[in-house]
Amino acid sequence: MAIHKIPQNAGKVRVAVTSGNTWVVWNGKQGRYEFKIPCKDRKQAELVARMINSGQHNGEIDPKMM
């Protein structure tokens, strides 16, 4: 997986399941300001979401390292 940049206006992110049964961390926006981070499983997605919501990142996050 790649390093994902987290925008400053990300807001609160949540864990969601896409149509292909892939767990993602999603900011709930659509269009230009939307971002999704695909994760291996629900546990990893919840951990990534917790880190983003608490601000424990430096503008980017690597889900592979979780």
C-alpha atoms as a PDB file:
ATOM      1  CA  MET A   1       0.000   0.000   0.000  1.00  0.00           C
ATOM      2  CA  ALA A   2       1.089   3.548  -0.553  1.00  0.00           C
ATOM      3  CA  ILE A   3       1.513   6.525   1.706  1.00  0.00           C
ATOM      4  CA  HIS A   4      -1.667   8.609   1.658  1.00  0.00           C
ATOM      5  CA  LYS A   5      -1.653  12.371   2.167  1.00  0.00           C
ATOM      6  CA  ILE A   6      -4.283  13.622   4.590  1.00  0.00           C
ATOM      7  CA  PRO A   7      -5.770  17.012   3.619  1.00  0.00           C
ATOM      8  CA  GLN A   8      -6.102  19.684   6.287  1.00  0.00           C
ATOM      9  CA  ASN A   9      -9.869  19.901   5.745  1.00  0.00           C
ATOM     10  CA  ALA A  10     -10.382  16.143   6.157  1.00  0.00           C
ATOM     11  CA  GLY A  11     -12.901  16.505   8.953  1.00  0.00           C
ATOM     12  CA  LYS A  12     -13.954  13.440  10.894  1.00  0.00           C
ATOM     13  CA  VAL A  13     -13.329  10.194   9.040  1.00  0.00           C
ATOM     14  CA  ARG A  14     -15.289   6.957   9.334  1.00  0.00           C
ATOM     15  CA  VAL A  15     -14.898   3.313   8.405  1.00  0.00           C
ATOM     16  CA  ALA A  16     -16.969   2.113   5.448  1.00  0.00           C
ATOM     17  CA  VAL A  17     -17.282  -0.902   3.161  1.00  0.00           C
ATOM     18  CA  THR A  18     -17.153  -0.333  -0.591  1.00  0.00           C
ATOM     19  CA  SER A  19     -19.079  -2.279  -3.211  1.00  0.00           C
ATOM     20  CA  GLY A  20     -16.212  -4.756  -3.613  1.00  0.00           C
ATOM     21  CA  ASN A  21     -16.293  -5.625   0.123  1.00  0.00           C
ATOM     22  CA  THR A  22     -13.142  -3.585   0.698  1.00  0.00           C
ATOM     23  CA  TRP A  23     -12.760  -1.770   4.012  1.00  0.00           C
ATOM     24  CA  VAL A  24     -11.909   1.905   3.585  1.00  0.00           C
ATOM     25  CA  VAL A  25     -11.422   4.978   5.733  1.00  0.00           C
ATOM     26  CA  TRP A  26     -13.603   7.697   4.195  1.00  0.00           C
ATOM     27  CA  ASN A  27     -14.142  11.341   5.061  1.00  0.00           C
ATOM     28  CA  GLY A  28     -17.804  11.349   3.990  1.00  0.00           C
ATOM     29  CA  LYS A  29     -17.375  13.975   1.295  1.00  0.00           C
ATOM     30  CA  GLN A  30     -17.950  13.646  -2.437  1.00  0.00           C
ATOM     31  CA  GLY A  31     -16.270  15.219  -5.402  1.00  0.00           C
ATOM     32  CA  ARG A  32     -13.054  17.164  -5.192  1.00  0.00           C
ATOM     33  CA  TYR A  33     -12.607  16.953  -1.417  1.00  0.00           C
ATOM     34  CA  GLU A  34     -13.314  13.238  -1.042  1.00  0.00           C
ATOM     35  CA  PHE A  35     -10.608  10.795  -0.058  1.00  0.00           C
ATOM     36  CA  LYS A  36     -10.611   7.088   0.712  1.00  0.00           C
ATOM     37  CA  ILE A  37      -7.843   4.980   2.203  1.00  0.00           C
ATOM     38  CA  PRO A  38      -8.254   1.274   1.373  1.00  0.00           C
ATOM     39  CA  CYS A  39      -7.354  -1.089   4.215  1.00  0.00           C
ATOM     40  CA  LYS A  40      -6.746  -4.804   4.589  1.00  0.00           C
ATOM     41  CA  ASP A  41      -9.485  -5.481   7.135  1.00  0.00           C
ATOM     42  CA  ARG A  42     -11.847  -3.750   9.545  1.00  0.00           C
ATOM     43  CA  LYS A  43      -9.384  -3.765  12.428  1.00  0.00           C
ATOM     44  CA  GLN A  44      -6.770  -1.937  10.356  1.00  0.00           C
ATOM     45  CA  ALA A  45      -9.369   0.542   9.062  1.00  0.00           C
ATOM     46  CA  GLU A  46     -10.539   1.369  12.594  1.00  0.00           C
ATOM     47  CA  LEU A  47      -6.945   1.928  13.697  1.00  0.00           C
ATOM     48  CA  VAL A  48      -6.243   4.271  10.772  1.00  0.00           C
ATOM     49  CA  ALA A  49      -9.495   6.183  11.406  1.00  0.00           C
ATOM     50  CA  ARG A  50      -8.650   6.548  15.108  1.00  0.00           C
ATOM     51  CA  MET A  51      -5.199   7.935  14.248  1.00  0.00           C
ATOM     52  CA  ILE A  52      -6.589  10.456  11.754  1.00  0.00           C
ATOM     53  CA  ASN A  53      -9.426  11.610  14.037  1.00  0.00           C
ATOM     54  CA  SER A  54      -7.056  12.107  16.984  1.00  0.00           C
ATOM     55  CA  GLY A  55      -4.510  13.985  14.842  1.00  0.00           C
ATOM     56  CA  GLN A  56      -1.669  11.500  15.307  1.00  0.00           C
ATOM     57  CA  HIS A  57      -0.268  11.944  11.805  1.00  0.00           C
ATOM     58  CA  ASN A  58       2.073  14.375  10.068  1.00  0.00           C
ATOM     59  CA  GLY A  59      -0.112  15.020   7.052  1.00  0.00           C
ATOM     60  CA  GLU A  60       0.350  11.511   5.692  1.00  0.00           C
ATOM     61  CA  ILE A  61      -0.286   7.949   6.793  1.00  0.00           C
ATOM     62  CA  ASP A  62       0.864   4.506   5.654  1.00  0.00           C
ATOM     63  CA  PRO A  63      -1.778   1.827   6.419  1.00  0.00           C
ATOM     64  CA  LYS A  64       0.729  -0.929   5.657  1.00  0.00           C
ATOM     65  CA  MET A  65       2.690  -0.041   8.792  1.00  0.00           C
ATOM     66  CA  MET A  66      -0.310  -0.618  11.076  1.00  0.00           C
END
